[in-house]
N, C-alpha and C. Protein backbone atom coordinates (compact mmCIF):
# COMPACT_ATOMS: atom_id res chain seq x y z
N UNK A 1 135.89 135.41 144.77
CA UNK A 1 134.54 135.82 144.49
C UNK A 1 134.59 136.87 143.37
N UNK A 2 133.78 136.65 142.35
CA UNK A 2 133.81 137.54 141.19
C UNK A 2 132.66 138.54 141.23
N UNK A 3 133.02 139.78 140.95
CA UNK A 3 132.07 140.87 140.79
C UNK A 3 132.11 141.25 139.32
N UNK A 4 130.96 141.46 138.72
CA UNK A 4 130.90 141.74 137.29
C UNK A 4 130.08 143.00 137.02
N UNK A 5 130.54 143.77 136.03
CA UNK A 5 129.79 144.94 135.55
C UNK A 5 129.08 144.53 134.27
N UNK A 6 127.77 144.64 134.28
CA UNK A 6 126.96 144.34 133.10
C UNK A 6 126.14 145.57 132.75
N UNK A 7 125.33 145.45 131.72
CA UNK A 7 124.46 146.57 131.36
C UNK A 7 123.39 146.82 132.42
N UNK A 8 123.13 145.83 133.28
CA UNK A 8 122.15 145.99 134.36
C UNK A 8 122.77 146.53 135.63
N UNK A 9 124.08 146.67 135.68
CA UNK A 9 124.76 147.19 136.86
C UNK A 9 125.86 146.26 137.33
N UNK A 10 126.33 146.52 138.53
CA UNK A 10 127.42 145.74 139.12
C UNK A 10 126.81 144.72 140.06
N UNK A 11 127.19 143.46 139.88
CA UNK A 11 126.59 142.37 140.65
C UNK A 11 127.64 141.33 141.03
N UNK A 12 127.34 140.60 142.09
CA UNK A 12 128.13 139.43 142.48
C UNK A 12 127.82 138.32 141.49
N UNK A 13 128.85 137.65 141.00
CA UNK A 13 128.70 136.57 140.02
C UNK A 13 129.13 135.26 140.66
N UNK A 14 128.20 134.53 141.28
CA UNK A 14 128.58 133.29 141.97
C UNK A 14 129.10 132.20 141.03
N UNK A 15 128.72 132.26 139.74
CA UNK A 15 129.17 131.24 138.79
C UNK A 15 130.55 131.57 138.24
N UNK A 16 130.91 132.85 138.25
CA UNK A 16 132.18 133.27 137.67
C UNK A 16 132.17 133.26 136.15
N UNK A 17 130.98 133.14 135.55
CA UNK A 17 130.90 132.99 134.10
C UNK A 17 130.04 134.04 133.41
N UNK A 18 129.49 134.98 134.16
CA UNK A 18 128.66 136.01 133.53
C UNK A 18 129.49 136.87 132.60
N UNK A 19 128.85 137.30 131.49
CA UNK A 19 129.51 138.22 130.57
C UNK A 19 129.64 139.58 131.22
N UNK A 20 130.72 140.25 130.92
CA UNK A 20 130.94 141.60 131.43
C UNK A 20 132.33 141.73 132.02
N UNK A 21 132.70 142.95 132.32
CA UNK A 21 134.00 143.21 132.93
C UNK A 21 133.96 142.75 134.38
N UNK A 22 134.92 141.94 134.77
CA UNK A 22 134.90 141.37 136.11
C UNK A 22 136.11 141.74 136.95
N UNK A 23 135.94 141.56 138.24
CA UNK A 23 137.02 141.75 139.21
C UNK A 23 136.82 140.69 140.29
N UNK A 24 137.93 140.26 140.87
CA UNK A 24 137.87 139.23 141.90
C UNK A 24 138.22 139.80 143.27
N UNK A 25 137.49 139.32 144.28
CA UNK A 25 137.74 139.73 145.66
C UNK A 25 137.88 138.48 146.52
N UNK A 26 138.70 138.59 147.55
CA UNK A 26 138.74 137.53 148.56
C UNK A 26 137.40 137.50 149.27
N UNK A 27 137.13 136.42 149.96
CA UNK A 27 135.86 136.33 150.69
C UNK A 27 136.00 136.84 152.12
N UNK A 28 136.83 137.86 152.29
CA UNK A 28 137.03 138.49 153.60
C UNK A 28 136.37 139.86 153.60
N UNK A 29 135.71 140.18 154.69
CA UNK A 29 135.02 141.47 154.77
C UNK A 29 135.98 142.64 154.59
N UNK A 30 137.20 142.52 155.10
CA UNK A 30 138.16 143.62 154.98
C UNK A 30 138.47 143.92 153.51
N UNK A 31 138.53 142.89 152.68
CA UNK A 31 138.77 143.10 151.25
C UNK A 31 137.58 143.80 150.60
N UNK A 32 136.37 143.39 150.99
CA UNK A 32 135.16 144.01 150.44
C UNK A 32 135.05 145.46 150.86
N UNK A 33 135.35 145.73 152.13
CA UNK A 33 135.27 147.11 152.62
C UNK A 33 136.23 148.00 151.84
N UNK A 34 137.44 147.52 151.61
CA UNK A 34 138.43 148.29 150.85
C UNK A 34 137.96 148.48 149.41
N UNK A 35 137.42 147.43 148.82
CA UNK A 35 136.95 147.51 147.43
C UNK A 35 135.83 148.53 147.28
N UNK A 36 134.92 148.56 148.23
CA UNK A 36 133.79 149.48 148.15
C UNK A 36 134.20 150.93 148.37
N UNK A 37 135.40 151.15 148.87
CA UNK A 37 135.90 152.52 149.06
C UNK A 37 136.41 153.12 147.75
N UNK A 38 136.51 152.32 146.70
CA UNK A 38 136.92 152.90 145.42
C UNK A 38 137.71 151.99 144.51
N UNK A 39 138.40 151.01 145.05
CA UNK A 39 139.23 150.17 144.18
C UNK A 39 138.40 149.30 143.25
N UNK A 40 137.21 148.90 143.67
CA UNK A 40 136.35 148.08 142.81
C UNK A 40 135.85 148.90 141.62
N UNK A 41 135.41 150.11 141.88
CA UNK A 41 134.95 150.98 140.79
C UNK A 41 136.08 151.21 139.79
N UNK A 42 137.29 151.39 140.29
CA UNK A 42 138.45 151.58 139.42
C UNK A 42 138.69 150.33 138.58
N UNK A 43 138.66 149.16 139.21
CA UNK A 43 138.91 147.90 138.49
C UNK A 43 137.85 147.63 137.43
N UNK A 44 136.61 147.99 137.74
CA UNK A 44 135.51 147.76 136.79
C UNK A 44 135.33 148.90 135.81
N UNK A 45 136.10 149.96 135.98
CA UNK A 45 136.04 151.14 135.11
C UNK A 45 134.63 151.72 135.04
N UNK A 46 134.05 151.92 136.21
CA UNK A 46 132.70 152.48 136.31
C UNK A 46 132.50 153.11 137.67
N UNK A 47 131.48 153.91 137.80
CA UNK A 47 131.07 154.44 139.10
C UNK A 47 130.01 153.50 139.65
N UNK A 48 130.10 153.18 140.93
CA UNK A 48 129.09 152.33 141.55
C UNK A 48 127.86 153.16 141.90
N UNK A 49 126.70 152.72 141.44
CA UNK A 49 125.46 153.41 141.78
C UNK A 49 125.06 153.05 143.21
N UNK A 50 124.10 153.75 143.74
CA UNK A 50 123.60 153.43 145.08
C UNK A 50 123.05 152.01 145.11
N UNK A 51 122.37 151.62 144.06
CA UNK A 51 121.81 150.26 143.95
C UNK A 51 122.93 149.22 143.95
N UNK A 52 124.01 149.51 143.20
CA UNK A 52 125.17 148.60 143.17
C UNK A 52 125.75 148.44 144.56
N UNK A 53 125.93 149.55 145.25
CA UNK A 53 126.52 149.52 146.60
C UNK A 53 125.63 148.75 147.57
N UNK A 54 124.32 148.95 147.47
CA UNK A 54 123.40 148.23 148.35
C UNK A 54 123.48 146.73 148.11
N UNK A 55 123.52 146.33 146.84
CA UNK A 55 123.62 144.90 146.50
C UNK A 55 124.92 144.31 147.05
N UNK A 56 126.03 145.00 146.83
CA UNK A 56 127.33 144.49 147.27
C UNK A 56 127.44 144.49 148.80
N UNK A 57 126.85 145.47 149.45
CA UNK A 57 126.82 145.47 150.92
C UNK A 57 126.02 144.30 151.45
N UNK A 58 124.94 143.94 150.76
CA UNK A 58 124.15 142.77 151.16
C UNK A 58 124.98 141.50 151.04
N UNK A 59 125.70 141.35 149.92
CA UNK A 59 126.57 140.18 149.75
C UNK A 59 127.63 140.16 150.84
N UNK A 60 128.24 141.31 151.11
CA UNK A 60 129.28 141.40 152.13
C UNK A 60 128.73 141.03 153.50
N UNK A 61 127.51 141.44 153.80
CA UNK A 61 126.93 141.15 155.12
C UNK A 61 126.68 139.66 155.31
N UNK A 62 126.59 138.92 154.22
CA UNK A 62 126.36 137.48 154.30
C UNK A 62 127.65 136.69 154.48
N UNK A 63 128.81 137.35 154.37
CA UNK A 63 130.07 136.66 154.60
C UNK A 63 130.18 136.31 156.07
N UNK A 64 130.86 135.22 156.36
CA UNK A 64 131.05 134.81 157.75
C UNK A 64 131.76 135.89 158.53
N UNK A 65 131.25 136.17 159.72
CA UNK A 65 131.85 137.18 160.59
C UNK A 65 133.29 136.82 160.94
N UNK A 66 133.60 135.54 161.09
CA UNK A 66 134.93 135.13 161.51
C UNK A 66 135.99 135.23 160.45
N UNK A 67 135.60 135.38 159.21
CA UNK A 67 136.57 135.44 158.13
C UNK A 67 137.07 136.86 157.94
N UNK A 68 138.34 137.06 158.27
CA UNK A 68 138.94 138.38 158.06
C UNK A 68 140.40 138.32 158.06
C-alpha cells in the first residue's frame, strides 16, 4: 500500500501512481501503527499534520481486523 506526500498533504494512494514522494506499507495494522509513530514521517521527509494523521487512521481502520 502506497502513501504519498503531495502539495495537498499526505494521502493513501490506491493506484500507486500519484506524483509525489511515496512510501510503501504492508496492509497490516501493526505496520501502520508503527509507521504513524514516526517512521512514515521520516520516510516522506515531512511532519504529519493532524489532518494527515486523521486520514491515515481512517484508512488503517478499514483494514481487516484479522490481518496482522
